[in-house]
Amino acid sequence: MLSKILSKEQCADCGFCCVFRRTSIWETPLFSKSVIEKLKTKYQDSEFVRVGDLYTIDLSKEYKTDSDDEEAACFFLDKKSGCMLNDDEKPLDCKIWPLRIMKDAEHLVIALTPTCKEINKLPVETVKEFVQSGIGEYIRDKAMKMPDIIKEYRSDFPVIMTFSD
């Protein structure tokens, strides 16, 4: 979805978006019930926990220490080839990362995850133009159908687009 500004090779070489510290569990991707039912059949070791009306990967057994900085990879990350999920299985959170739909005090916003090294190599204006070319509205429309994917705004996430409605 972001191939106009990030290549699959850039993403697969990095993989940072598929690894979660305990402090970043709030960023784990959210799946619909119908998708996780398919994934449980295809990937029998995968485990999920409910978040509102959706589900996320359960990484609790993957952590070996009590350190907040310890990282656990998504079950669906192949360290050589990247994400193993096909487009129908991949959740919106993953399709749009490092973009996030968030709610600030008054509005929905599209914000940029500050930890993506590849996107941060691009001028912010390039990212803004891309988001404003239609992807922002697409993300908002999807979020309206799945409101649990809307995250609370964090001040370290630069706002790329604000929705006034």
N, C-alpha and C. Protein backbone atom coordinates (compact mmCIF):
# COMPACT_ATOMS: atom_id res chain seq x y z
N MET A 1 0.81 -1.20 0.00
CA MET A 1 0.00 0.00 0.00
C MET A 1 0.86 1.27 0.00
N LEU A 2 2.02 1.16 0.62
CA LEU A 2 2.91 2.32 0.67
C LEU A 2 4.05 2.21 -0.34
N SER A 3 3.89 1.33 -1.32
CA SER A 3 4.98 1.06 -2.26
C SER A 3 5.40 2.28 -3.09
N LYS A 4 4.58 3.31 -3.13
CA LYS A 4 4.98 4.53 -3.86
C LYS A 4 6.06 5.30 -3.11
N ILE A 5 6.17 5.06 -1.80
CA ILE A 5 7.19 5.80 -1.04
C ILE A 5 8.17 4.88 -0.31
N LEU A 6 7.82 3.61 -0.11
CA LEU A 6 8.72 2.64 0.53
C LEU A 6 8.71 1.35 -0.29
N SER A 7 9.88 0.78 -0.53
CA SER A 7 9.92 -0.48 -1.27
C SER A 7 9.76 -1.66 -0.32
N LYS A 8 9.29 -2.79 -0.85
CA LYS A 8 9.16 -4.00 -0.04
C LYS A 8 10.52 -4.45 0.47
N GLU A 9 11.55 -4.21 -0.32
CA GLU A 9 12.90 -4.59 0.08
C GLU A 9 13.36 -3.78 1.29
N GLN A 10 13.07 -2.48 1.28
CA GLN A 10 13.42 -1.64 2.43
C GLN A 10 12.75 -2.17 3.69
N CYS A 11 11.49 -2.50 3.57
CA CYS A 11 10.73 -2.97 4.73
C CYS A 11 11.22 -4.35 5.20
N ALA A 12 11.42 -5.29 4.26
CA ALA A 12 11.85 -6.64 4.63
C ALA A 12 13.25 -6.62 5.24
N ASP A 13 14.13 -5.76 4.74
CA ASP A 13 15.49 -5.67 5.29
C ASP A 13 15.49 -5.17 6.72
N CYS A 14 14.53 -4.34 7.07
CA CYS A 14 14.48 -3.75 8.40
C CYS A 14 13.66 -4.62 9.36
N GLY A 15 12.38 -4.78 9.11
CA GLY A 15 11.50 -5.59 9.94
C GLY A 15 11.16 -5.01 11.31
N PHE A 16 11.59 -3.80 11.59
CA PHE A 16 11.36 -3.20 12.91
C PHE A 16 9.88 -3.14 13.27
N CYS A 17 9.04 -2.91 12.27
CA CYS A 17 7.60 -2.77 12.53
C CYS A 17 6.96 -4.07 12.98
N CYS A 18 7.67 -5.18 12.85
CA CYS A 18 7.12 -6.49 13.20
C CYS A 18 7.67 -7.02 14.52
N VAL A 19 8.37 -6.18 15.26
CA VAL A 19 8.97 -6.56 16.54
C VAL A 19 8.45 -5.60 17.59
N PHE A 20 8.05 -6.16 18.73
CA PHE A 20 7.36 -5.34 19.74
C PHE A 20 8.01 -5.48 21.11
N ARG A 21 8.39 -4.33 21.66
CA ARG A 21 8.80 -4.30 23.06
C ARG A 21 7.53 -4.35 23.90
N ARG A 22 7.69 -4.69 25.16
CA ARG A 22 6.52 -4.70 26.05
C ARG A 22 5.84 -3.33 26.06
N THR A 23 6.65 -2.28 25.97
CA THR A 23 6.09 -0.92 26.00
C THR A 23 5.40 -0.54 24.70
N SER A 24 5.56 -1.34 23.65
CA SER A 24 4.90 -1.03 22.38
C SER A 24 3.82 -2.04 22.01
N ILE A 25 3.37 -2.81 22.97
CA ILE A 25 2.31 -3.79 22.72
C ILE A 25 1.06 -3.11 22.15
N TRP A 26 0.84 -1.85 22.52
CA TRP A 26 -0.33 -1.12 22.00
C TRP A 26 -0.29 -1.00 20.48
N GLU A 27 0.89 -1.23 19.89
CA GLU A 27 1.03 -1.11 18.43
C GLU A 27 0.83 -2.43 17.69
N THR A 28 0.61 -3.54 18.41
CA THR A 28 0.43 -4.80 17.70
C THR A 28 -0.80 -4.71 16.79
N PRO A 29 -0.72 -5.35 15.62
CA PRO A 29 -1.80 -5.22 14.64
C PRO A 29 -3.09 -5.90 15.09
N LEU A 30 -4.20 -5.36 14.61
CA LEU A 30 -5.52 -5.88 14.95
C LEU A 30 -6.14 -6.61 13.76
N PHE A 31 -6.69 -7.79 14.03
CA PHE A 31 -7.28 -8.66 13.02
C PHE A 31 -8.77 -8.84 13.28
N SER A 32 -9.53 -9.05 12.21
CA SER A 32 -10.95 -9.40 12.37
C SER A 32 -11.06 -10.87 12.78
N LYS A 33 -12.20 -11.23 13.33
CA LYS A 33 -12.42 -12.61 13.76
C LYS A 33 -12.32 -13.58 12.57
N SER A 34 -12.88 -13.19 11.43
CA SER A 34 -12.84 -14.09 10.26
C SER A 34 -11.41 -14.36 9.80
N VAL A 35 -10.55 -13.35 9.88
CA VAL A 35 -9.16 -13.54 9.47
C VAL A 35 -8.42 -14.42 10.47
N ILE A 36 -8.61 -14.20 11.77
CA ILE A 36 -7.86 -15.03 12.73
C ILE A 36 -8.31 -16.49 12.67
N GLU A 37 -9.56 -16.74 12.33
CA GLU A 37 -10.00 -18.14 12.18
C GLU A 37 -9.22 -18.82 11.06
N LYS A 38 -8.99 -18.12 9.96
CA LYS A 38 -8.19 -18.66 8.86
C LYS A 38 -6.73 -18.83 9.29
N LEU A 39 -6.20 -17.83 9.99
CA LEU A 39 -4.80 -17.88 10.41
C LEU A 39 -4.54 -19.00 11.41
N LYS A 40 -5.48 -19.25 12.31
CA LYS A 40 -5.31 -20.33 13.29
C LYS A 40 -5.23 -21.69 12.60
N THR A 41 -5.93 -21.84 11.48
CA THR A 41 -5.87 -23.08 10.72
C THR A 41 -4.54 -23.19 9.98
N LYS A 42 -4.12 -22.11 9.39
CA LYS A 42 -2.90 -22.09 8.58
C LYS A 42 -1.63 -22.08 9.44
N TYR A 43 -1.66 -21.36 10.55
CA TYR A 43 -0.52 -21.23 11.47
C TYR A 43 -0.99 -21.68 12.85
N GLN A 44 -0.92 -22.98 13.10
CA GLN A 44 -1.55 -23.54 14.29
C GLN A 44 -0.92 -23.09 15.61
N ASP A 45 0.31 -22.60 15.58
CA ASP A 45 0.95 -22.12 16.81
C ASP A 45 0.60 -20.68 17.14
N SER A 46 -0.07 -20.00 16.24
CA SER A 46 -0.39 -18.58 16.49
C SER A 46 -1.47 -18.47 17.57
N GLU A 47 -1.32 -17.44 18.40
CA GLU A 47 -2.29 -17.19 19.46
C GLU A 47 -2.71 -15.73 19.41
N PHE A 48 -3.96 -15.50 19.78
CA PHE A 48 -4.54 -14.16 19.71
C PHE A 48 -5.26 -13.81 21.00
N VAL A 49 -5.38 -12.51 21.26
CA VAL A 49 -6.17 -12.02 22.38
C VAL A 49 -7.14 -10.97 21.83
N ARG A 50 -8.28 -10.89 22.48
CA ARG A 50 -9.32 -9.96 22.04
C ARG A 50 -8.99 -8.53 22.47
N VAL A 51 -9.25 -7.58 21.56
CA VAL A 51 -9.12 -6.15 21.83
C VAL A 51 -10.39 -5.51 21.27
N GLY A 52 -11.34 -5.20 22.13
CA GLY A 52 -12.62 -4.67 21.64
C GLY A 52 -13.31 -5.70 20.78
N ASP A 53 -13.65 -5.33 19.56
CA ASP A 53 -14.30 -6.26 18.63
C ASP A 53 -13.30 -6.99 17.73
N LEU A 54 -12.01 -6.69 17.90
CA LEU A 54 -10.97 -7.28 17.06
C LEU A 54 -10.04 -8.14 17.90
N TYR A 55 -8.98 -8.64 17.28
CA TYR A 55 -8.01 -9.51 17.95
C TYR A 55 -6.60 -9.08 17.57
N THR A 56 -5.65 -9.34 18.47
CA THR A 56 -4.25 -9.06 18.17
C THR A 56 -3.43 -10.29 18.52
N ILE A 57 -2.20 -10.32 18.04
CA ILE A 57 -1.31 -11.43 18.34
C ILE A 57 -0.98 -11.43 19.83
N ASP A 58 -0.92 -12.61 20.42
CA ASP A 58 -0.58 -12.74 21.83
C ASP A 58 0.91 -13.07 21.93
N LEU A 59 1.68 -12.09 22.28
CA LEU A 59 3.13 -12.26 22.39
C LEU A 59 3.58 -12.57 23.81
N SER A 60 2.67 -12.72 24.75
CA SER A 60 3.03 -12.84 26.16
C SER A 60 3.99 -14.01 26.43
N LYS A 61 3.86 -15.10 25.72
CA LYS A 61 4.75 -16.26 25.93
C LYS A 61 6.09 -16.10 25.22
N GLU A 62 6.20 -15.10 24.38
CA GLU A 62 7.43 -14.90 23.62
C GLU A 62 8.49 -14.14 24.41
N TYR A 63 8.07 -13.40 25.42
CA TYR A 63 9.02 -12.65 26.23
C TYR A 63 9.66 -13.59 27.24
N LYS A 64 10.98 -13.51 27.36
CA LYS A 64 11.73 -14.42 28.24
C LYS A 64 12.17 -13.75 29.54
N THR A 65 12.11 -12.41 29.60
CA THR A 65 12.53 -11.67 30.79
C THR A 65 11.41 -10.72 31.19
N ASP A 66 11.65 -9.96 32.24
CA ASP A 66 10.69 -8.94 32.67
C ASP A 66 11.04 -7.55 32.16
N SER A 67 12.09 -7.45 31.35
CA SER A 67 12.56 -6.16 30.85
C SER A 67 11.55 -5.53 29.89
N ASP A 68 11.28 -4.24 30.10
CA ASP A 68 10.40 -3.51 29.19
C ASP A 68 11.01 -3.37 27.80
N ASP A 69 12.33 -3.48 27.70
CA ASP A 69 13.02 -3.30 26.42
C ASP A 69 13.16 -4.59 25.62
N GLU A 70 12.79 -5.72 26.21
CA GLU A 70 12.88 -6.98 25.48
C GLU A 70 11.93 -6.94 24.29
N GLU A 71 12.36 -7.53 23.18
CA GLU A 71 11.56 -7.53 21.97
C GLU A 71 11.06 -8.93 21.63
N ALA A 72 9.87 -9.00 21.07
CA ALA A 72 9.31 -10.25 20.57
C ALA A 72 8.77 -9.99 19.17
N ALA A 73 9.11 -10.89 18.26
CA ALA A 73 8.69 -10.73 16.86
C ALA A 73 7.28 -11.28 16.65
N CYS A 74 6.59 -10.68 15.71
CA CYS A 74 5.29 -11.17 15.27
C CYS A 74 5.45 -12.61 14.77
N PHE A 75 4.45 -13.44 15.01
CA PHE A 75 4.48 -14.84 14.55
C PHE A 75 4.63 -14.93 13.04
N PHE A 76 4.18 -13.92 12.35
CA PHE A 76 4.11 -13.98 10.89
C PHE A 76 5.30 -13.33 10.19
N LEU A 77 6.34 -13.04 10.95
CA LEU A 77 7.56 -12.45 10.38
C LEU A 77 8.55 -13.56 10.06
N ASP A 78 8.92 -13.66 8.79
CA ASP A 78 10.02 -14.52 8.37
C ASP A 78 11.22 -13.60 8.24
N LYS A 79 12.25 -13.85 9.02
CA LYS A 79 13.38 -12.92 9.07
C LYS A 79 14.12 -12.80 7.74
N LYS A 80 13.93 -13.76 6.84
CA LYS A 80 14.60 -13.69 5.54
C LYS A 80 13.74 -13.02 4.47
N SER A 81 12.43 -13.29 4.50
CA SER A 81 11.58 -12.79 3.42
C SER A 81 10.54 -11.77 3.84
N GLY A 82 10.46 -11.48 5.13
CA GLY A 82 9.48 -10.50 5.60
C GLY A 82 8.18 -11.15 6.02
N CYS A 83 7.09 -10.45 5.87
CA CYS A 83 5.78 -10.91 6.33
C CYS A 83 5.29 -12.11 5.51
N MET A 84 4.80 -13.13 6.20
CA MET A 84 4.30 -14.33 5.53
C MET A 84 2.83 -14.21 5.15
N LEU A 85 2.15 -13.17 5.61
CA LEU A 85 0.72 -13.03 5.34
C LEU A 85 0.47 -12.51 3.93
N ASN A 86 -0.58 -13.03 3.31
CA ASN A 86 -0.96 -12.48 2.00
C ASN A 86 -1.80 -11.23 2.22
N ASP A 87 -2.13 -10.55 1.15
CA ASP A 87 -2.82 -9.26 1.27
C ASP A 87 -4.17 -9.37 1.97
N ASP A 88 -4.89 -10.46 1.77
CA ASP A 88 -6.19 -10.64 2.41
C ASP A 88 -6.07 -10.90 3.91
N GLU A 89 -4.94 -11.45 4.33
CA GLU A 89 -4.71 -11.78 5.74
C GLU A 89 -4.09 -10.62 6.52
N LYS A 90 -3.36 -9.80 5.82
CA LYS A 90 -2.60 -8.73 6.48
C LYS A 90 -3.54 -7.65 7.00
N PRO A 91 -3.42 -7.31 8.30
CA PRO A 91 -4.30 -6.28 8.86
C PRO A 91 -3.94 -4.88 8.38
N LEU A 92 -4.91 -3.99 8.45
CA LEU A 92 -4.70 -2.60 8.02
C LEU A 92 -3.51 -1.97 8.74
N ASP A 93 -3.36 -2.23 10.04
CA ASP A 93 -2.23 -1.67 10.79
C ASP A 93 -0.91 -1.95 10.10
N CYS A 94 -0.76 -3.17 9.58
CA CYS A 94 0.49 -3.55 8.91
C CYS A 94 0.58 -2.95 7.51
N LYS A 95 -0.54 -2.89 6.82
CA LYS A 95 -0.54 -2.34 5.47
C LYS A 95 -0.15 -0.87 5.44
N ILE A 96 -0.50 -0.14 6.49
CA ILE A 96 -0.27 1.31 6.48
C ILE A 96 0.93 1.75 7.31
N TRP A 97 1.56 0.83 8.07
CA TRP A 97 2.69 1.22 8.92
C TRP A 97 3.79 1.79 8.04
N PRO A 98 4.37 2.88 8.37
CA PRO A 98 4.47 3.60 9.63
C PRO A 98 3.42 4.70 9.84
N LEU A 99 2.36 4.68 9.06
CA LEU A 99 1.27 5.62 9.31
C LEU A 99 0.35 5.04 10.37
N ARG A 100 -0.28 5.90 11.14
CA ARG A 100 -1.23 5.49 12.17
C ARG A 100 -2.44 6.41 12.12
N ILE A 101 -3.61 5.84 12.31
CA ILE A 101 -4.80 6.67 12.50
C ILE A 101 -4.96 6.82 14.00
N MET A 102 -5.05 8.08 14.44
CA MET A 102 -5.09 8.38 15.87
C MET A 102 -6.17 9.41 16.15
N LYS A 103 -6.55 9.49 17.41
CA LYS A 103 -7.54 10.47 17.85
C LYS A 103 -6.85 11.40 18.82
N ASP A 104 -6.80 12.69 18.46
CA ASP A 104 -6.29 13.67 19.43
C ASP A 104 -7.50 14.17 20.22
N ALA A 105 -7.36 15.26 20.90
CA ALA A 105 -8.46 15.75 21.75
C ALA A 105 -9.74 16.01 20.96
N GLU A 106 -9.61 16.43 19.70
CA GLU A 106 -10.79 16.84 18.94
C GLU A 106 -10.99 16.13 17.60
N HIS A 107 -9.93 15.61 17.01
CA HIS A 107 -10.02 15.13 15.63
C HIS A 107 -9.34 13.78 15.44
N LEU A 108 -9.71 13.14 14.35
CA LEU A 108 -8.93 12.01 13.86
C LEU A 108 -7.77 12.59 13.06
N VAL A 109 -6.61 11.96 13.19
CA VAL A 109 -5.43 12.40 12.46
C VAL A 109 -4.72 11.18 11.88
N ILE A 110 -4.00 11.42 10.81
CA ILE A 110 -3.03 10.44 10.32
C ILE A 110 -1.69 10.95 10.82
N ALA A 111 -1.02 10.10 11.57
CA ALA A 111 0.27 10.48 12.15
C ALA A 111 1.33 9.50 11.68
N LEU A 112 2.57 9.91 11.83
CA LEU A 112 3.71 9.13 11.38
C LEU A 112 4.45 8.54 12.57
N THR A 113 4.62 7.23 12.56
CA THR A 113 5.38 6.57 13.62
C THR A 113 6.82 7.07 13.56
N PRO A 114 7.34 7.62 14.65
CA PRO A 114 8.67 8.22 14.60
C PRO A 114 9.82 7.22 14.52
N THR A 115 9.55 5.93 14.72
CA THR A 115 10.63 4.95 14.79
C THR A 115 10.97 4.26 13.48
N CYS A 116 10.27 4.57 12.40
CA CYS A 116 10.58 3.96 11.11
C CYS A 116 11.76 4.69 10.48
N LYS A 117 12.89 4.00 10.41
CA LYS A 117 14.11 4.63 9.89
C LYS A 117 14.00 4.97 8.40
N GLU A 118 13.33 4.12 7.65
CA GLU A 118 13.24 4.33 6.20
C GLU A 118 12.36 5.52 5.85
N ILE A 119 11.21 5.64 6.49
CA ILE A 119 10.31 6.76 6.17
C ILE A 119 10.94 8.08 6.61
N ASN A 120 11.73 8.02 7.68
CA ASN A 120 12.36 9.24 8.17
C ASN A 120 13.48 9.74 7.27
N LYS A 121 13.87 8.95 6.28
CA LYS A 121 14.85 9.40 5.28
C LYS A 121 14.18 10.29 4.22
N LEU A 122 12.86 10.23 4.15
CA LEU A 122 12.12 11.01 3.16
C LEU A 122 11.76 12.38 3.71
N PRO A 123 11.66 13.38 2.83
CA PRO A 123 11.15 14.67 3.29
C PRO A 123 9.70 14.51 3.77
N VAL A 124 9.35 15.17 4.86
CA VAL A 124 7.99 15.09 5.41
C VAL A 124 6.97 15.50 4.35
N GLU A 125 7.31 16.47 3.52
CA GLU A 125 6.38 16.92 2.47
C GLU A 125 6.02 15.79 1.51
N THR A 126 6.98 14.92 1.20
CA THR A 126 6.71 13.77 0.33
C THR A 126 5.68 12.85 0.96
N VAL A 127 5.82 12.60 2.25
CA VAL A 127 4.87 11.74 2.96
C VAL A 127 3.50 12.41 3.02
N LYS A 128 3.47 13.71 3.31
CA LYS A 128 2.20 14.44 3.36
C LYS A 128 1.48 14.39 2.02
N GLU A 129 2.21 14.63 0.93
CA GLU A 129 1.60 14.59 -0.40
C GLU A 129 1.01 13.21 -0.68
N PHE A 130 1.74 12.18 -0.32
CA PHE A 130 1.27 10.81 -0.52
C PHE A 130 -0.02 10.56 0.26
N VAL A 131 -0.03 10.93 1.53
CA VAL A 131 -1.21 10.71 2.38
C VAL A 131 -2.39 11.52 1.86
N GLN A 132 -2.15 12.75 1.44
CA GLN A 132 -3.23 13.61 0.97
C GLN A 132 -3.71 13.25 -0.43
N SER A 133 -3.00 12.35 -1.11
CA SER A 133 -3.41 11.96 -2.46
C SER A 133 -4.52 10.91 -2.46
N GLY A 134 -5.02 10.56 -1.28
CA GLY A 134 -6.13 9.61 -1.20
C GLY A 134 -5.97 8.54 -0.14
N ILE A 135 -4.75 8.22 0.21
CA ILE A 135 -4.53 7.16 1.19
C ILE A 135 -5.07 7.55 2.57
N GLY A 136 -5.00 8.84 2.90
CA GLY A 136 -5.52 9.31 4.19
C GLY A 136 -7.01 9.05 4.33
N GLU A 137 -7.77 9.38 3.29
CA GLU A 137 -9.21 9.14 3.32
C GLU A 137 -9.52 7.64 3.36
N TYR A 138 -8.74 6.86 2.63
CA TYR A 138 -8.89 5.40 2.64
C TYR A 138 -8.72 4.86 4.07
N ILE A 139 -7.67 5.32 4.75
CA ILE A 139 -7.41 4.87 6.12
C ILE A 139 -8.56 5.28 7.04
N ARG A 140 -8.99 6.53 6.92
CA ARG A 140 -10.11 7.00 7.76
C ARG A 140 -11.37 6.18 7.51
N ASP A 141 -11.68 5.90 6.25
CA ASP A 141 -12.88 5.12 5.93
C ASP A 141 -12.81 3.72 6.54
N LYS A 142 -11.65 3.08 6.46
CA LYS A 142 -11.46 1.76 7.07
C LYS A 142 -11.61 1.84 8.59
N ALA A 143 -11.04 2.89 9.18
CA ALA A 143 -11.09 3.06 10.63
C ALA A 143 -12.52 3.28 11.12
N MET A 144 -13.34 3.93 10.33
CA MET A 144 -14.72 4.15 10.73
C MET A 144 -15.49 2.83 10.80
N LYS A 145 -15.05 1.85 10.01
CA LYS A 145 -15.68 0.52 10.04
C LYS A 145 -15.09 -0.36 11.14
N MET A 146 -13.87 -0.03 11.57
CA MET A 146 -13.17 -0.79 12.61
C MET A 146 -12.58 0.19 13.62
N PRO A 147 -13.40 0.84 14.43
CA PRO A 147 -12.91 1.90 15.30
C PRO A 147 -11.85 1.47 16.31
N ASP A 148 -11.75 0.18 16.58
CA ASP A 148 -10.72 -0.27 17.53
C ASP A 148 -9.31 -0.06 17.01
N ILE A 149 -9.14 0.16 15.71
CA ILE A 149 -7.79 0.40 15.20
C ILE A 149 -7.32 1.84 15.44
N ILE A 150 -8.23 2.70 15.86
CA ILE A 150 -7.86 4.10 16.12
C ILE A 150 -7.13 4.17 17.45
N LYS A 151 -5.89 4.65 17.41
CA LYS A 151 -5.06 4.74 18.61
C LYS A 151 -5.19 6.13 19.22
N GLU A 152 -4.91 6.22 20.51
CA GLU A 152 -4.85 7.53 21.16
C GLU A 152 -3.61 8.26 20.65
N TYR A 153 -3.75 9.55 20.37
CA TYR A 153 -2.64 10.33 19.84
C TYR A 153 -1.50 10.42 20.85
N ARG A 154 -0.29 10.33 20.35
CA ARG A 154 0.93 10.49 21.15
C ARG A 154 1.71 11.66 20.56
N SER A 155 2.17 12.52 21.43
CA SER A 155 2.77 13.78 20.99
C SER A 155 4.06 13.60 20.19
N ASP A 156 4.72 12.44 20.28
CA ASP A 156 5.94 12.24 19.51
C ASP A 156 5.66 11.73 18.09
N PHE A 157 4.39 11.59 17.73
CA PHE A 157 4.01 11.16 16.39
C PHE A 157 3.64 12.40 15.57
N PRO A 158 4.45 12.78 14.58
CA PRO A 158 4.11 13.95 13.77
C PRO A 158 2.79 13.76 13.02
N VAL A 159 1.93 14.76 13.07
CA VAL A 159 0.65 14.71 12.36
C VAL A 159 0.89 15.03 10.89
N ILE A 160 0.39 14.16 10.03
CA ILE A 160 0.54 14.31 8.58
C ILE A 160 -0.75 14.87 7.97
N MET A 161 -1.89 14.52 8.57
CA MET A 161 -3.18 14.95 8.04
C MET A 161 -4.19 14.99 9.18
N THR A 162 -5.04 16.00 9.18
CA THR A 162 -6.09 16.15 10.19
C THR A 162 -7.44 16.13 9.50
N PHE A 163 -8.39 15.39 10.08
CA PHE A 163 -9.75 15.35 9.56
C PHE A 163 -10.61 16.23 10.43
N SER A 164 -11.40 17.09 9.82
CA SER A 164 -12.18 18.06 10.58
C SER A 164 -13.55 17.53 11.00
N ASP A 165 -13.99 16.40 10.44
CA ASP A 165 -15.32 15.89 10.82
C ASP A 165 -15.29 15.02 12.02
